[in-house]
Amino acid sequence: MDGRTFRQVLGKFFDAPGGVCLDARVQVELPNGEMKDLGEIKLLENRMFGAIETHRLVLKLNAPPGQRRLGKIIGHL
């Protein structure tokens, strides 16, 4: 996914009626099904010459020890 598509998808969530997305917890689901909190977003520059992608967005996960477990997800909006 590129930054343009990422922005478009996030925009649709934030523009949704009711504004519930504004107070939502931000998490990433790992391939094994585990959920981790999003801790940081960084914009990095690639050092490869001739690369099509000159920059990348990196989402760093937060996994502090003793993190409380969240309840089961009951639906998708």
PDB file of N, CA and C in Angstrom:
ATOM      1  N   MET A   1       0.851  -1.169   0.000  1.00  0.00           N
ATOM      2  CA  MET A   1       0.000   0.000   0.000  1.00  0.00           C
ATOM      3  C   MET A   1       0.898   1.234   0.000  1.00  0.00           C
ATOM      4  N   ASP A   2       0.554   2.192  -0.803  1.00  0.00           N
ATOM      5  CA  ASP A   2       1.335   3.437  -0.831  1.00  0.00           C
ATOM      6  C   ASP A   2       0.675   4.494   0.064  1.00  0.00           C
ATOM      7  N   GLY A   3       1.394   5.584   0.284  1.00  0.00           N
ATOM      8  CA  GLY A   3       0.916   6.643   1.167  1.00  0.00           C
ATOM      9  C   GLY A   3      -0.370   7.287   0.697  1.00  0.00           C
ATOM     10  N   ARG A   4      -0.537   7.422  -0.604  1.00  0.00           N
ATOM     11  CA  ARG A   4      -1.745   8.030  -1.168  1.00  0.00           C
ATOM     12  C   ARG A   4      -2.983   7.189  -0.813  1.00  0.00           C
ATOM     13  N   THR A   5      -2.878   5.877  -0.988  1.00  0.00           N
ATOM     14  CA  THR A   5      -3.996   4.981  -0.674  1.00  0.00           C
ATOM     15  C   THR A   5      -4.243   4.961   0.830  1.00  0.00           C
ATOM     16  N   PHE A   6      -3.164   4.930   1.612  1.00  0.00           N
ATOM     17  CA  PHE A   6      -3.269   4.934   3.072  1.00  0.00           C
ATOM     18  C   PHE A   6      -4.036   6.170   3.546  1.00  0.00           C
ATOM     19  N   ARG A   7      -3.700   7.327   2.987  1.00  0.00           N
ATOM     20  CA  ARG A   7      -4.374   8.578   3.353  1.00  0.00           C
ATOM     21  C   ARG A   7      -5.850   8.538   2.978  1.00  0.00           C
ATOM     22  N   GLN A   8      -6.155   8.009   1.795  1.00  0.00           N
ATOM     23  CA  GLN A   8      -7.535   7.942   1.326  1.00  0.00           C
ATOM     24  C   GLN A   8      -8.380   7.041   2.245  1.00  0.00           C
ATOM     25  N   VAL A   9      -7.832   5.893   2.614  1.00  0.00           N
ATOM     26  CA  VAL A   9      -8.559   4.969   3.494  1.00  0.00           C
ATOM     27  C   VAL A   9      -8.770   5.590   4.868  1.00  0.00           C
ATOM     28  N   LEU A  10      -7.709   6.182   5.438  1.00  0.00           N
ATOM     29  CA  LEU A  10      -7.852   6.817   6.750  1.00  0.00           C
ATOM     30  C   LEU A  10      -8.850   7.972   6.703  1.00  0.00           C
ATOM     31  N   GLY A  11      -8.842   8.731   5.606  1.00  0.00           N
ATOM     32  CA  GLY A  11      -9.773   9.843   5.448  1.00  0.00           C
ATOM     33  C   GLY A  11     -11.219   9.384   5.508  1.00  0.00           C
ATOM     34  N   LYS A  12     -11.509   8.254   4.894  1.00  0.00           N
ATOM     35  CA  LYS A  12     -12.877   7.721   4.927  1.00  0.00           C
ATOM     36  C   LYS A  12     -13.286   7.353   6.351  1.00  0.00           C
ATOM     37  N   PHE A  13     -12.367   6.798   7.136  1.00  0.00           N
ATOM     38  CA  PHE A  13     -12.681   6.474   8.525  1.00  0.00           C
ATOM     39  C   PHE A  13     -12.944   7.736   9.342  1.00  0.00           C
ATOM     40  N   PHE A  14     -12.073   8.737   9.199  1.00  0.00           N
ATOM     41  CA  PHE A  14     -12.202   9.939  10.012  1.00  0.00           C
ATOM     42  C   PHE A  14     -13.367  10.817   9.607  1.00  0.00           C
ATOM     43  N   ASP A  15     -13.840  10.705   8.367  1.00  0.00           N
ATOM     44  CA  ASP A  15     -14.973  11.492   7.903  1.00  0.00           C
ATOM     45  C   ASP A  15     -16.307  10.802   8.145  1.00  0.00           C
ATOM     46  N   ALA A  16     -16.285   9.602   8.707  1.00  0.00           N
ATOM     47  CA  ALA A  16     -17.515   8.835   8.950  1.00  0.00           C
ATOM     48  C   ALA A  16     -18.405   9.578   9.947  1.00  0.00           C
ATOM     49  N   PRO A  17     -19.730   9.472   9.778  1.00  0.00           N
ATOM     50  CA  PRO A  17     -20.653  10.135  10.706  1.00  0.00           C
ATOM     51  C   PRO A  17     -20.466   9.629  12.136  1.00  0.00           C
ATOM     52  N   GLY A  18     -20.639  10.527  13.076  1.00  0.00           N
ATOM     53  CA  GLY A  18     -20.541  10.155  14.490  1.00  0.00           C
ATOM     54  C   GLY A  18     -19.162  10.363  15.079  1.00  0.00           C
ATOM     55  N   GLY A  19     -18.116  10.365  14.264  1.00  0.00           N
ATOM     56  CA  GLY A  19     -16.761  10.624  14.740  1.00  0.00           C
ATOM     57  C   GLY A  19     -16.202   9.587  15.693  1.00  0.00           C
ATOM     58  N   VAL A  20     -16.741   8.354  15.682  1.00  0.00           N
ATOM     59  CA  VAL A  20     -16.258   7.339  16.623  1.00  0.00           C
ATOM     60  C   VAL A  20     -14.801   6.979  16.379  1.00  0.00           C
ATOM     61  N   CYS A  21     -14.320   7.157  15.166  1.00  0.00           N
ATOM     62  CA  CYS A  21     -12.935   6.810  14.837  1.00  0.00           C
ATOM     63  C   CYS A  21     -11.934   7.729  15.546  1.00  0.00           C
ATOM     64  N   LEU A  22     -12.358   8.941  15.841  1.00  0.00           N
ATOM     65  CA  LEU A  22     -11.440   9.913  16.441  1.00  0.00           C
ATOM     66  C   LEU A  22     -10.939   9.483  17.819  1.00  0.00           C
ATOM     67  N   ASP A  23     -11.739   8.733  18.566  1.00  0.00           N
ATOM     68  CA  ASP A  23     -11.346   8.291  19.898  1.00  0.00           C
ATOM     69  C   ASP A  23     -10.973   6.817  19.942  1.00  0.00           C
ATOM     70  N   ALA A  24     -10.884   6.179  18.791  1.00  0.00           N
ATOM     71  CA  ALA A  24     -10.599   4.735  18.734  1.00  0.00           C
ATOM     72  C   ALA A  24      -9.125   4.455  19.012  1.00  0.00           C
ATOM     73  N   ARG A  25      -8.875   3.327  19.648  1.00  0.00           N
ATOM     74  CA  ARG A  25      -7.506   2.863  19.874  1.00  0.00           C
ATOM     75  C   ARG A  25      -6.937   2.380  18.541  1.00  0.00           C
ATOM     76  N   VAL A  26      -5.678   2.679  18.253  1.00  0.00           N
ATOM     77  CA  VAL A  26      -5.055   2.298  16.986  1.00  0.00           C
ATOM     78  C   VAL A  26      -4.168   1.079  17.220  1.00  0.00           C
ATOM     79  N   GLN A  27      -4.472  -0.001  16.498  1.00  0.00           N
ATOM     80  CA  GLN A  27      -3.716  -1.242  16.644  1.00  0.00           C
ATOM     81  C   GLN A  27      -3.390  -1.827  15.282  1.00  0.00           C
ATOM     82  N   VAL A  28      -2.431  -2.746  15.278  1.00  0.00           N
ATOM     83  CA  VAL A  28      -2.040  -3.485  14.084  1.00  0.00           C
ATOM     84  C   VAL A  28      -2.216  -4.963  14.400  1.00  0.00           C
ATOM     85  N   GLU A  29      -2.827  -5.709  13.449  1.00  0.00           N
ATOM     86  CA  GLU A  29      -2.974  -7.144  13.631  1.00  0.00           C
ATOM     87  C   GLU A  29      -1.823  -7.850  12.933  1.00  0.00           C
ATOM     88  N   LEU A  30      -1.094  -8.666  13.687  1.00  0.00           N
ATOM     89  CA  LEU A  30       0.028  -9.424  13.151  1.00  0.00           C
ATOM     90  C   LEU A  30      -0.490 -10.667  12.414  1.00  0.00           C
ATOM     91  N   PRO A  31       0.330 -11.265  11.555  1.00  0.00           N
ATOM     92  CA  PRO A  31      -0.108 -12.456  10.811  1.00  0.00           C
ATOM     93  C   PRO A  31      -0.582 -13.606  11.704  1.00  0.00           C
ATOM     94  N   ASN A  32      -0.097 -13.671  12.940  1.00  0.00           N
ATOM     95  CA  ASN A  32      -0.518 -14.749  13.846  1.00  0.00           C
ATOM     96  C   ASN A  32      -1.806 -14.408  14.602  1.00  0.00           C
ATOM     97  N   GLY A  33      -2.420 -13.249  14.285  1.00  0.00           N
ATOM     98  CA  GLY A  33      -3.674 -12.850  14.909  1.00  0.00           C
ATOM     99  C   GLY A  33      -3.516 -11.986  16.144  1.00  0.00           C
ATOM    100  N   GLU A  34      -2.289 -11.812  16.612  1.00  0.00           N
ATOM    101  CA  GLU A  34      -2.028 -10.999  17.801  1.00  0.00           C
ATOM    102  C   GLU A  34      -2.199  -9.520  17.461  1.00  0.00           C
ATOM    103  N   MET A  35      -2.778  -8.756  18.397  1.00  0.00           N
ATOM    104  CA  MET A  35      -2.990  -7.322  18.210  1.00  0.00           C
ATOM    105  C   MET A  35      -1.972  -6.545  19.034  1.00  0.00           C
ATOM    106  N   LYS A  36      -1.344  -5.533  18.415  1.00  0.00           N
ATOM    107  CA  LYS A  36      -0.369  -4.684  19.103  1.00  0.00           C
ATOM    108  C   LYS A  36      -0.772  -3.225  18.920  1.00  0.00           C
ATOM    109  N   ASP A  37      -0.538  -2.409  19.940  1.00  0.00           N
ATOM    110  CA  ASP A  37      -0.814  -0.976  19.859  1.00  0.00           C
ATOM    111  C   ASP A  37       0.203  -0.300  18.947  1.00  0.00           C
ATOM    112  N   LEU A  38      -0.262   0.706  18.214  1.00  0.00           N
ATOM    113  CA  LEU A  38       0.620   1.507  17.378  1.00  0.00           C
ATOM    114  C   LEU A  38       1.294   2.540  18.267  1.00  0.00           C
ATOM    115  N   GLY A  39       2.619   2.590  18.226  1.00  0.00           N
ATOM    116  CA  GLY A  39       3.352   3.483  19.102  1.00  0.00           C
ATOM    117  C   GLY A  39       3.896   4.719  18.409  1.00  0.00           C
ATOM    118  N   GLU A  40       4.300   4.576  17.150  1.00  0.00           N
ATOM    119  CA  GLU A  40       4.988   5.679  16.472  1.00  0.00           C
ATOM    120  C   GLU A  40       4.858   5.508  14.957  1.00  0.00           C
ATOM    121  N   ILE A  41       4.813   6.619  14.243  1.00  0.00           N
ATOM    122  CA  ILE A  41       4.829   6.603  12.781  1.00  0.00           C
ATOM    123  C   ILE A  41       5.999   7.466  12.336  1.00  0.00           C
ATOM    124  N   LYS A  42       6.858   6.899  11.477  1.00  0.00           N
ATOM    125  CA  LYS A  42       8.042   7.628  11.010  1.00  0.00           C
ATOM    126  C   LYS A  42       8.052   7.679   9.486  1.00  0.00           C
ATOM    127  N   LEU A  43       8.570   8.764   8.935  1.00  0.00           N
ATOM    128  CA  LEU A  43       8.816   8.886   7.503  1.00  0.00           C
ATOM    129  C   LEU A  43      10.318   8.743   7.299  1.00  0.00           C
ATOM    130  N   LEU A  44      10.728   7.710   6.555  1.00  0.00           N
ATOM    131  CA  LEU A  44      12.145   7.444   6.330  1.00  0.00           C
ATOM    132  C   LEU A  44      12.477   7.580   4.851  1.00  0.00           C
ATOM    133  N   GLU A  45      13.699   7.965   4.573  1.00  0.00           N
ATOM    134  CA  GLU A  45      14.174   8.114   3.197  1.00  0.00           C
ATOM    135  C   GLU A  45      14.985   6.882   2.806  1.00  0.00           C
ATOM    136  N   ASN A  46      14.702   6.342   1.626  1.00  0.00           N
ATOM    137  CA  ASN A  46      15.472   5.205   1.114  1.00  0.00           C
ATOM    138  C   ASN A  46      16.811   5.687   0.585  1.00  0.00           C
ATOM    139  N   ARG A  47      17.840   4.898   0.735  1.00  0.00           N
ATOM    140  CA  ARG A  47      19.180   5.240   0.269  1.00  0.00           C
ATOM    141  C   ARG A  47      19.543   4.509  -1.017  1.00  0.00           C
ATOM    142  N   MET A  48      18.603   3.840  -1.637  1.00  0.00           N
ATOM    143  CA  MET A  48      18.889   3.061  -2.847  1.00  0.00           C
ATOM    144  C   MET A  48      18.808   3.962  -4.081  1.00  0.00           C
ATOM    145  N   PHE A  49      19.846   3.958  -4.888  1.00  0.00           N
ATOM    146  CA  PHE A  49      19.866   4.759  -6.097  1.00  0.00           C
ATOM    147  C   PHE A  49      18.995   4.111  -7.155  1.00  0.00           C
ATOM    148  N   GLY A  50      18.183   4.914  -7.835  1.00  0.00           N
ATOM    149  CA  GLY A  50      17.322   4.397  -8.884  1.00  0.00           C
ATOM    150  C   GLY A  50      16.067   3.723  -8.378  1.00  0.00           C
ATOM    151  N   ALA A  51      15.806   3.783  -7.072  1.00  0.00           N
ATOM    152  CA  ALA A  51      14.610   3.153  -6.520  1.00  0.00           C
ATOM    153  C   ALA A  51      13.378   3.976  -6.857  1.00  0.00           C
ATOM    154  N   ILE A  52      12.293   3.301  -7.147  1.00  0.00           N
ATOM    155  CA  ILE A  52      11.034   3.992  -7.432  1.00  0.00           C
ATOM    156  C   ILE A  52      10.503   4.625  -6.148  1.00  0.00           C
ATOM    157  N   GLU A  53      10.564   3.882  -5.049  1.00  0.00           N
ATOM    158  CA  GLU A  53      10.104   4.399  -3.763  1.00  0.00           C
ATOM    159  C   GLU A  53      11.258   5.105  -3.072  1.00  0.00           C
ATOM    160  N   THR A  54      11.175   6.414  -2.968  1.00  0.00           N
ATOM    161  CA  THR A  54      12.253   7.188  -2.359  1.00  0.00           C
ATOM    162  C   THR A  54      12.074   7.340  -0.852  1.00  0.00           C
ATOM    163  N   HIS A  55      10.853   7.103  -0.371  1.00  0.00           N
ATOM    164  CA  HIS A  55      10.557   7.232   1.051  1.00  0.00           C
ATOM    165  C   HIS A  55       9.658   6.078   1.488  1.00  0.00           C
ATOM    166  N   ARG A  56       9.582   5.876   2.790  1.00  0.00           N
ATOM    167  CA  ARG A  56       8.663   4.865   3.320  1.00  0.00           C
ATOM    168  C   ARG A  56       8.080   5.335   4.646  1.00  0.00           C
ATOM    169  N   LEU A  57       6.826   4.978   4.885  1.00  0.00           N
ATOM    170  CA  LEU A  57       6.181   5.207   6.168  1.00  0.00           C
ATOM    171  C   LEU A  57       6.374   3.945   6.997  1.00  0.00           C
ATOM    172  N   VAL A  58       6.881   4.099   8.210  1.00  0.00           N
ATOM    173  CA  VAL A  58       7.114   2.954   9.083  1.00  0.00           C
ATOM    174  C   VAL A  58       6.238   3.114  10.318  1.00  0.00           C
ATOM    175  N   LEU A  59       5.421   2.099  10.584  1.00  0.00           N
ATOM    176  CA  LEU A  59       4.559   2.079  11.762  1.00  0.00           C
ATOM    177  C   LEU A  59       5.242   1.216  12.814  1.00  0.00           C
ATOM    178  N   LYS A  60       5.640   1.813  13.926  1.00  0.00           N
ATOM    179  CA  LYS A  60       6.332   1.082  14.986  1.00  0.00           C
ATOM    180  C   LYS A  60       5.309   0.662  16.038  1.00  0.00           C
ATOM    181  N   LEU A  61       5.346  -0.606  16.390  1.00  0.00           N
ATOM    182  CA  LEU A  61       4.391  -1.134  17.353  1.00  0.00           C
ATOM    183  C   LEU A  61       4.895  -0.949  18.767  1.00  0.00           C
ATOM    184  N   ASN A  62       3.965  -0.787  19.666  1.00  0.00           N
ATOM    185  CA  ASN A  62       4.246  -0.622  21.083  1.00  0.00           C
ATOM    186  C   ASN A  62       3.865  -1.912  21.782  1.00  0.00           C
ATOM    187  N   ALA A  63       4.784  -2.552  22.462  1.00  0.00           N
ATOM    188  CA  ALA A  63       4.475  -3.780  23.183  1.00  0.00           C
ATOM    189  C   ALA A  63       5.120  -3.752  24.563  1.00  0.00           C
ATOM    190  N   PRO A  64       4.642  -2.849  25.431  1.00  0.00           N
ATOM    191  CA  PRO A  64       5.245  -2.788  26.764  1.00  0.00           C
ATOM    192  C   PRO A  64       4.947  -4.047  27.562  1.00  0.00           C
ATOM    193  N   PRO A  65       5.861  -4.452  28.449  1.00  0.00           N
ATOM    194  CA  PRO A  65       5.610  -5.637  29.274  1.00  0.00           C
ATOM    195  C   PRO A  65       4.400  -5.413  30.178  1.00  0.00           C
ATOM    196  N   GLY A  66       3.604  -6.439  30.345  1.00  0.00           N
ATOM    197  CA  GLY A  66       2.426  -6.338  31.208  1.00  0.00           C
ATOM    198  C   GLY A  66       1.276  -5.583  30.583  1.00  0.00           C
ATOM    199  N   GLN A  67       1.275  -5.437  29.261  1.00  0.00           N
ATOM    200  CA  GLN A  67       0.199  -4.720  28.582  1.00  0.00           C
ATOM    201  C   GLN A  67      -1.127  -5.431  28.825  1.00  0.00           C
ATOM    202  N   ARG A  68      -2.149  -4.672  29.152  1.00  0.00           N
ATOM    203  CA  ARG A  68      -3.437  -5.297  29.441  1.00  0.00           C
ATOM    204  C   ARG A  68      -4.049  -5.878  28.179  1.00  0.00           C
ATOM    205  N   ARG A  69      -4.739  -6.983  28.333  1.00  0.00           N
ATOM    206  CA  ARG A  69      -5.393  -7.634  27.208  1.00  0.00           C
ATOM    207  C   ARG A  69      -6.724  -6.954  26.959  1.00  0.00           C
ATOM    208  N   LEU A  70      -7.059  -6.804  25.709  1.00  0.00           N
ATOM    209  CA  LEU A  70      -8.334  -6.202  25.337  1.00  0.00           C
ATOM    210  C   LEU A  70      -9.386  -7.276  25.197  1.00  0.00           C
ATOM    211  N   GLY A  71     -10.632  -6.868  25.253  1.00  0.00           N
ATOM    212  CA  GLY A  71     -11.739  -7.802  25.076  1.00  0.00           C
ATOM    213  C   GLY A  71     -11.833  -8.295  23.647  1.00  0.00           C
ATOM    214  N   LYS A  72     -12.660  -9.286  23.439  1.00  0.00           N
ATOM    215  CA  LYS A  72     -12.869  -9.885  22.122  1.00  0.00           C
ATOM    216  C   LYS A  72     -13.566  -8.887  21.204  1.00  0.00           C
ATOM    217  N   ILE A  73     -13.177  -8.858  19.951  1.00  0.00           N
ATOM    218  CA  ILE A  73     -13.806  -7.988  18.959  1.00  0.00           C
ATOM    219  C   ILE A  73     -15.174  -8.571  18.621  1.00  0.00           C
ATOM    220  N   ILE A  74     -16.211  -7.733  18.699  1.00  0.00           N
ATOM    221  CA  ILE A  74     -17.568  -8.233  18.498  1.00  0.00           C
ATOM    222  C   ILE A  74     -18.145  -7.871  17.136  1.00  0.00           C
ATOM    223  N   GLY A  75     -17.486  -7.005  16.387  1.00  0.00           N
ATOM    224  CA  GLY A  75     -18.002  -6.667  15.065  1.00  0.00           C
ATOM    225  C   GLY A  75     -17.099  -5.705  14.327  1.00  0.00           C
ATOM    226  N   HIS A  76     -17.309  -5.622  13.029  1.00  0.00           N
ATOM    227  CA  HIS A  76     -16.580  -4.693  12.170  1.00  0.00           C
ATOM    228  C   HIS A  76     -17.545  -3.620  11.695  1.00  0.00           C
ATOM    229  N   LEU A  77     -17.133  -2.359  11.726  1.00  0.00           N
ATOM    230  CA  LEU A  77     -17.984  -1.242  11.305  1.00  0.00           C
ATOM    231  C   LEU A  77     -17.689  -0.835   9.894  1.00  0.00           C
TER     232      LEU A  77
END
